[in-house]
Structures are given as structure tokens and as C-alpha cells.
PDB file of N, CA and C in Angstrom:
ATOM      1  N   MET A   1      56.313 -93.775  59.167  1.00  0.00           N
ATOM      2  CA  MET A   1      56.256 -92.604  57.893  1.00  0.00           C
ATOM      3  C   MET A   1      55.088 -92.373  57.744  1.00  0.00           C
ATOM      4  N   GLY A   2      54.024 -93.236  57.667  1.00  0.00           N
ATOM      5  CA  GLY A   2      52.611 -92.913  57.554  1.00  0.00           C
ATOM      6  C   GLY A   2      52.183 -91.592  56.989  1.00  0.00           C
ATOM      7  N   ASP A   3      51.607 -91.101  57.899  1.00  0.00           N
ATOM      8  CA  ASP A   3      50.950 -89.432  57.673  1.00  0.00           C
ATOM      9  C   ASP A   3      52.021 -88.564  57.091  1.00  0.00           C
ATOM     10  N   ASP A   4      53.167 -88.717  57.511  1.00  0.00           N
ATOM     11  CA  ASP A   4      54.301 -87.789  57.226  1.00  0.00           C
ATOM     12  C   ASP A   4      54.383 -87.686  55.586  1.00  0.00           C
ATOM     13  N   VAL A   5      54.475 -88.982  54.628  1.00  0.00           N
ATOM     14  CA  VAL A   5      54.454 -88.750  53.238  1.00  0.00           C
ATOM     15  C   VAL A   5      53.049 -88.069  52.675  1.00  0.00           C
ATOM     16  N   GLY A   6      52.024 -88.337  53.085  1.00  0.00           N
ATOM     17  CA  GLY A   6      50.967 -87.556  52.947  1.00  0.00           C
ATOM     18  C   GLY A   6      51.006 -85.972  53.063  1.00  0.00           C
ATOM     19  N   ALA A   7      51.516 -85.722  54.229  1.00  0.00           N
ATOM     20  CA  ALA A   7      51.548 -84.311  54.464  1.00  0.00           C
ATOM     21  C   ALA A   7      52.537 -83.640  53.634  1.00  0.00           C
ATOM     22  N   ALA A   8      53.705 -84.147  53.468  1.00  0.00           N
ATOM     23  CA  ALA A   8      54.863 -83.694  52.592  1.00  0.00           C
ATOM     24  C   ALA A   8      54.325 -83.700  50.972  1.00  0.00           C
ATOM     25  N   THR A   9      53.672 -84.504  50.681  1.00  0.00           N
ATOM     26  CA  THR A   9      53.023 -84.407  49.301  1.00  0.00           C
ATOM     27  C   THR A   9      52.148 -83.509  49.041  1.00  0.00           C
ATOM     28  N   ALA A  10      51.052 -83.010  50.088  1.00  0.00           N
ATOM     29  CA  ALA A  10      50.330 -82.016  49.905  1.00  0.00           C
ATOM     30  C   ALA A  10      51.065 -80.594  50.175  1.00  0.00           C
ATOM     31  N   GLU A  11      52.197 -80.596  50.977  1.00  0.00           N
ATOM     32  CA  GLU A  11      52.946 -79.317  51.065  1.00  0.00           C
ATOM     33  C   GLU A  11      53.293 -79.148  49.594  1.00  0.00           C
ATOM     34  N   ALA A  12      53.819 -80.261  48.945  1.00  0.00           N
ATOM     35  CA  ALA A  12      54.637 -80.024  47.635  1.00  0.00           C
ATOM     36  C   ALA A  12      53.467 -79.300  46.562  1.00  0.00           C
ATOM     37  N   ILE A  13      52.439 -80.125  46.476  1.00  0.00           N
ATOM     38  CA  ILE A  13      51.386 -79.851  45.614  1.00  0.00           C
ATOM     39  C   ILE A  13      50.742 -78.306  45.828  1.00  0.00           C
ATOM     40  N   LYS A  14      50.663 -78.108  47.291  1.00  0.00           N
ATOM     41  CA  LYS A  14      50.110 -76.555  47.661  1.00  0.00           C
ATOM     42  C   LYS A  14      51.429 -75.558  47.026  1.00  0.00           C
ATOM     43  N   ALA A  15      52.676 -75.807  47.592  1.00  0.00           N
ATOM     44  CA  ALA A  15      53.861 -74.859  46.613  1.00  0.00           C
ATOM     45  C   ALA A  15      53.650 -74.793  45.301  1.00  0.00           C
ATOM     46  N   ASP A  16      53.445 -75.858  44.577  1.00  0.00           N
ATOM     47  CA  ASP A  16      53.460 -76.060  43.231  1.00  0.00           C
ATOM     48  C   ASP A  16      52.280 -74.962  42.606  1.00  0.00           C
ATOM     49  N   LEU A  17      51.025 -75.333  43.231  1.00  0.00           N
ATOM     50  CA  LEU A  17      49.858 -74.357  42.935  1.00  0.00           C
ATOM     51  C   LEU A  17      49.952 -72.787  43.037  1.00  0.00           C
ATOM     52  N   GLU A  18      51.071 -72.415  44.203  1.00  0.00           N
ATOM     53  CA  GLU A  18      51.200 -71.204  44.283  1.00  0.00           C
ATOM     54  C   GLU A  18      52.470 -70.886  43.849  1.00  0.00           C
ATOM     55  N   ASP A  19      52.923 -71.269  42.754  1.00  0.00           N
ATOM     56  CA  ASP A  19      54.041 -70.800  41.975  1.00  0.00           C
ATOM     57  C   ASP A  19      55.285 -70.696  42.785  1.00  0.00           C
ATOM     58  N   ARG A  20      55.550 -71.742  43.890  1.00  0.00           N
ATOM     59  CA  ARG A  20      56.660 -71.979  44.602  1.00  0.00           C
ATOM     60  C   ARG A  20      57.291 -73.381  44.205  1.00  0.00           C
ATOM     61  N   ALA A  21      57.068 -73.905  43.195  1.00  0.00           N
ATOM     62  CA  ALA A  21      57.978 -75.004  42.883  1.00  0.00           C
ATOM     63  C   ALA A  21      59.229 -75.077  43.213  1.00  0.00           C
ATOM     64  N   ASP A  22      60.043 -74.216  42.856  1.00  0.00           N
ATOM     65  CA  ASP A  22      61.388 -74.281  43.323  1.00  0.00           C
ATOM     66  C   ASP A  22      61.677 -74.299  44.645  1.00  0.00           C
ATOM     67  N   GLU A  23      60.857 -74.239  45.636  1.00  0.00           N
ATOM     68  CA  GLU A  23      61.005 -74.475  47.093  1.00  0.00           C
ATOM     69  C   GLU A  23      60.739 -75.868  47.223  1.00  0.00           C
ATOM     70  N   VAL A  24      60.394 -76.596  46.446  1.00  0.00           N
ATOM     71  CA  VAL A  24      59.835 -78.202  46.686  1.00  0.00           C
ATOM     72  C   VAL A  24      61.365 -78.932  46.728  1.00  0.00           C
ATOM     73  N   LEU A  25      61.575 -79.914  47.765  1.00  0.00           N
ATOM     74  CA  LEU A  25      62.540 -80.877  47.747  1.00  0.00           C
ATOM     75  C   LEU A  25      62.651 -81.770  46.639  1.00  0.00           C
ATOM     76  N   PHE A  26      63.548 -82.166  46.224  1.00  0.00           N
ATOM     77  CA  PHE A  26      63.539 -83.219  44.980  1.00  0.00           C
ATOM     78  C   PHE A  26      63.206 -84.470  45.553  1.00  0.00           C
ATOM     79  N   VAL A  27      63.506 -84.868  46.567  1.00  0.00           N
ATOM     80  CA  VAL A  27      63.337 -86.069  47.704  1.00  0.00           C
ATOM     81  C   VAL A  27      62.834 -85.671  49.004  1.00  0.00           C
ATOM     82  N   PHE A  28      61.792 -86.336  49.335  1.00  0.00           N
ATOM     83  CA  PHE A  28      61.504 -86.060  50.772  1.00  0.00           C
ATOM     84  C   PHE A  28      61.025 -87.371  51.388  1.00  0.00           C
ATOM     85  N   LEU A  29      61.196 -87.539  52.580  1.00  0.00           N
ATOM     86  CA  LEU A  29      60.575 -88.917  53.097  1.00  0.00           C
ATOM     87  C   LEU A  29      61.056 -88.872  54.734  1.00  0.00           C
ATOM     88  N   GLY A  30      59.909 -89.103  55.502  1.00  0.00           N
ATOM     89  CA  GLY A  30      59.989 -89.126  56.945  1.00  0.00           C
ATOM     90  C   GLY A  30      61.055 -90.297  57.491  1.00  0.00           C
ATOM     91  N   ARG A  31      61.068 -90.263  58.815  1.00  0.00           N
ATOM     92  CA  ARG A  31      61.883 -91.477  59.459  1.00  0.00           C
ATOM     93  C   ARG A  31      61.363 -92.659  59.252  1.00  0.00           C
ATOM     94  N   ILE A  32      62.066 -93.734  59.141  1.00  0.00           N
ATOM     95  CA  ILE A  32      61.430 -95.016  59.095  1.00  0.00           C
ATOM     96  C   ILE A  32      61.982 -95.991  60.350  1.00  0.00           C
ATOM     97  N   THR A  33      61.096 -96.436  60.759  1.00  0.00           N
ATOM     98  CA  THR A  33      61.471 -97.478  62.005  1.00  0.00           C
ATOM     99  C   THR A  33      60.555 -98.756  61.576  1.00  0.00           C
ATOM    100  N   ILE A  34      61.713 -99.855  61.649  1.00  0.00           N
ATOM    101  CA  ILE A  34      61.494-101.095  61.284  1.00  0.00           C
ATOM    102  C   ILE A  34      60.605-101.636  62.730  1.00  0.00           C
ATOM    103  N   ALA A  35      59.474-102.291  62.584  1.00  0.00           N
ATOM    104  CA  ALA A  35      58.751-103.133  63.644  1.00  0.00           C
ATOM    105  C   ALA A  35      59.416-104.296  63.351  1.00  0.00           C
ATOM    106  N   HIS A  36      59.741-105.139  64.518  1.00  0.00           N
ATOM    107  CA  HIS A  36      60.315-106.587  64.647  1.00  0.00           C
ATOM    108  C   HIS A  36      59.456-106.894  65.718  1.00  0.00           C
ATOM    109  N   ASP A  37      59.885-108.279  65.854  1.00  0.00           N
ATOM    110  CA  ASP A  37      59.099-109.289  66.745  1.00  0.00           C
ATOM    111  C   ASP A  37      59.697-109.236  68.192  1.00  0.00           C
ATOM    112  N   GLU A  38      60.639-108.287  68.515  1.00  0.00           N
ATOM    113  CA  GLU A  38      61.152-108.123  70.111  1.00  0.00           C
ATOM    114  C   GLU A  38      60.435-107.107  70.543  1.00  0.00           C
ATOM    115  N   MET A  39      59.429-106.347  69.704  1.00  0.00           N
ATOM    116  CA  MET A  39      59.007-104.869  70.227  1.00  0.00           C
ATOM    117  C   MET A  39      57.789-105.607  71.090  1.00  0.00           C
ATOM    118  N   SER A  40      57.308-104.670  72.360  1.00  0.00           N
ATOM    119  CA  SER A  40      56.129-105.034  72.991  1.00  0.00           C
ATOM    120  C   SER A  40      55.038-104.296  72.160  1.00  0.00           C
ATOM    121  N   ALA A  41      53.882-104.756  72.848  1.00  0.00           N
ATOM    122  CA  ALA A  41      52.757-104.255  72.128  1.00  0.00           C
ATOM    123  C   ALA A  41      52.592-102.510  72.162  1.00  0.00           C
ATOM    124  N   ASP A  42      52.939-102.222  73.218  1.00  0.00           N
ATOM    125  CA  ASP A  42      53.035-100.950  73.717  1.00  0.00           C
ATOM    126  C   ASP A  42      54.056-100.056  72.928  1.00  0.00           C
ATOM    127  N   GLU A  43      55.143-100.653  72.610  1.00  0.00           N
ATOM    128  CA  GLU A  43      56.128-100.003  71.610  1.00  0.00           C
ATOM    129  C   GLU A  43      55.676 -99.788  70.238  1.00  0.00           C
ATOM    130  N   PHE A  44      55.020-100.918  69.866  1.00  0.00           N
ATOM    131  CA  PHE A  44      54.387-100.930  68.364  1.00  0.00           C
ATOM    132  C   PHE A  44      53.353-100.123  68.237  1.00  0.00           C
ATOM    133  N   ASN A  45      52.243-100.399  69.433  1.00  0.00           N
ATOM    134  CA  ASN A  45      50.985 -99.143  69.342  1.00  0.00           C
ATOM    135  C   ASN A  45      51.529 -97.609  69.469  1.00  0.00           C
ATOM    136  N   ALA A  46      52.480 -97.564  70.048  1.00  0.00           N
ATOM    137  CA  ALA A  46      52.896 -95.972  69.975  1.00  0.00           C
ATOM    138  C   ALA A  46      53.636 -95.545  68.793  1.00  0.00           C
ATOM    139  N   LEU A  47      54.265 -96.474  67.681  1.00  0.00           N
ATOM    140  CA  LEU A  47      54.781 -96.147  66.435  1.00  0.00           C
ATOM    141  C   LEU A  47      53.779 -95.917  65.685  1.00  0.00           C
ATOM    142  N   GLU A  48      52.619 -96.749  65.816  1.00  0.00           N
ATOM    143  CA  GLU A  48      51.522 -96.835  65.115  1.00  0.00           C
ATOM    144  C   GLU A  48      50.822 -95.546  65.325  1.00  0.00           C
ATOM    145  N   THR A  49      50.807 -95.042  66.615  1.00  0.00           N
ATOM    146  CA  THR A  49      49.822 -93.606  66.913  1.00  0.00           C
ATOM    147  C   THR A  49      50.501 -92.562  66.293  1.00  0.00           C
ATOM    148  N   GLU A  50      52.029 -92.375  66.580  1.00  0.00           N
ATOM    149  CA  GLU A  50      52.817 -91.411  65.734  1.00  0.00           C
ATOM    150  C   GLU A  50      52.856 -91.489  64.385  1.00  0.00           C
ATOM    151  N   ALA A  51      52.787 -92.689  63.748  1.00  0.00           N
ATOM    152  CA  ALA A  51      52.565 -92.738  62.119  1.00  0.00           C
ATOM    153  C   ALA A  51      51.502 -92.166  61.676  1.00  0.00           C
ATOM    154  N   PHE A  52      50.384 -92.447  62.415  1.00  0.00           N
ATOM    155  CA  PHE A  52      49.015 -91.775  61.920  1.00  0.00           C
ATOM    156  C   PHE A  52      48.284 -90.925  62.559  1.00  0.00           C
ATOM    157  N   ARG A  53      49.075 -90.010  63.051  1.00  0.00           N
ATOM    158  CA  ARG A  53      48.782 -88.679  64.247  1.00  0.00           C
ATOM    159  C   ARG A  53      47.809 -88.027  63.372  1.00  0.00           C
ATOM    160  N   PHE A  54      47.928 -87.702  62.313  1.00  0.00           N
ATOM    161  CA  PHE A  54      47.138 -86.617  61.377  1.00  0.00           C
ATOM    162  C   PHE A  54      45.767 -87.279  60.849  1.00  0.00           C
ATOM    163  N   SER A  55      45.767 -88.660  60.664  1.00  0.00           N
ATOM    164  CA  SER A  55      44.782 -89.066  60.121  1.00  0.00           C
ATOM    165  C   SER A  55      43.827 -89.915  61.063  1.00  0.00           C
ATOM    166  N   GLY A  56      44.101 -90.182  62.473  1.00  0.00           N
ATOM    167  CA  GLY A  56      43.672 -90.556  63.530  1.00  0.00           C
ATOM    168  C   GLY A  56      43.214 -91.987  63.584  1.00  0.00           C
ATOM    169  N   VAL A  57      43.977 -92.541  62.699  1.00  0.00           N
ATOM    170  CA  VAL A  57      43.900 -94.168  62.911  1.00  0.00           C
ATOM    171  C   VAL A  57      44.326 -94.550  64.189  1.00  0.00           C
ATOM    172  N   GLY A  58      43.417 -95.380  64.880  1.00  0.00           N
ATOM    173  CA  GLY A  58      43.931 -96.024  66.157  1.00  0.00           C
ATOM    174  C   GLY A  58      44.559 -97.292  66.223  1.00  0.00           C
ATOM    175  N   ALA A  59      44.939 -97.764  67.142  1.00  0.00           N
ATOM    176  CA  ALA A  59      45.701 -98.926  67.255  1.00  0.00           C
ATOM    177  C   ALA A  59      44.963-100.398  66.614  1.00  0.00           C
ATOM    178  N   LEU A  60      45.409-101.146  65.935  1.00  0.00           N
ATOM    179  CA  LEU A  60      44.559-102.003  65.260  1.00  0.00           C
ATOM    180  C   LEU A  60      44.501-103.324  66.231  1.00  0.00           C
ATOM    181  N   GLU A  61      43.355-103.927  65.817  1.00  0.00           N
ATOM    182  CA  GLU A  61      43.008-105.178  67.014  1.00  0.00           C
ATOM    183  C   GLU A  61      44.064-106.379  66.591  1.00  0.00           C
ATOM    184  N   ARG A  62      44.657-107.043  67.518  1.00  0.00           N
ATOM    185  CA  ARG A  62      45.491-108.075  67.321  1.00  0.00           C
ATOM    186  C   ARG A  62      45.170-109.286  67.962  1.00  0.00           C
TER     187      ARG A  62
END
């Protein structure tokens, strides 16, 4: 979910500032994927890369 929540929040604020608050959804949230101990490091890193694709946070050291 990472960056998706921040992007959605920014879009909601922008719409409000542009007097388009009626276009803002009441609830918004991206897809949530649960990380678990049976995931490979590559699977986990791919999820992390997707989650932070806007902010550019890379894979964490493990």
C-alpha cells in the first residue's frame, strides 16, 4: 500500500483546494498484500519496490 495512500491523499487535498471536494471518495485505500515467512526474498523485494515506487525507497538490508 505504501505510496498509494500518500498519492490518494494528495489527490484528495488537490481536489478540495480546487473546489472539487464532491469528487473525493469517502474511503480510499490501495491493495494490501500480507508478507509472510514463506515468501522468498525476491517476492518480498518486488512487493516493497511496488509499494514505494513513487518515493524511490529501495530494498532494505536484511
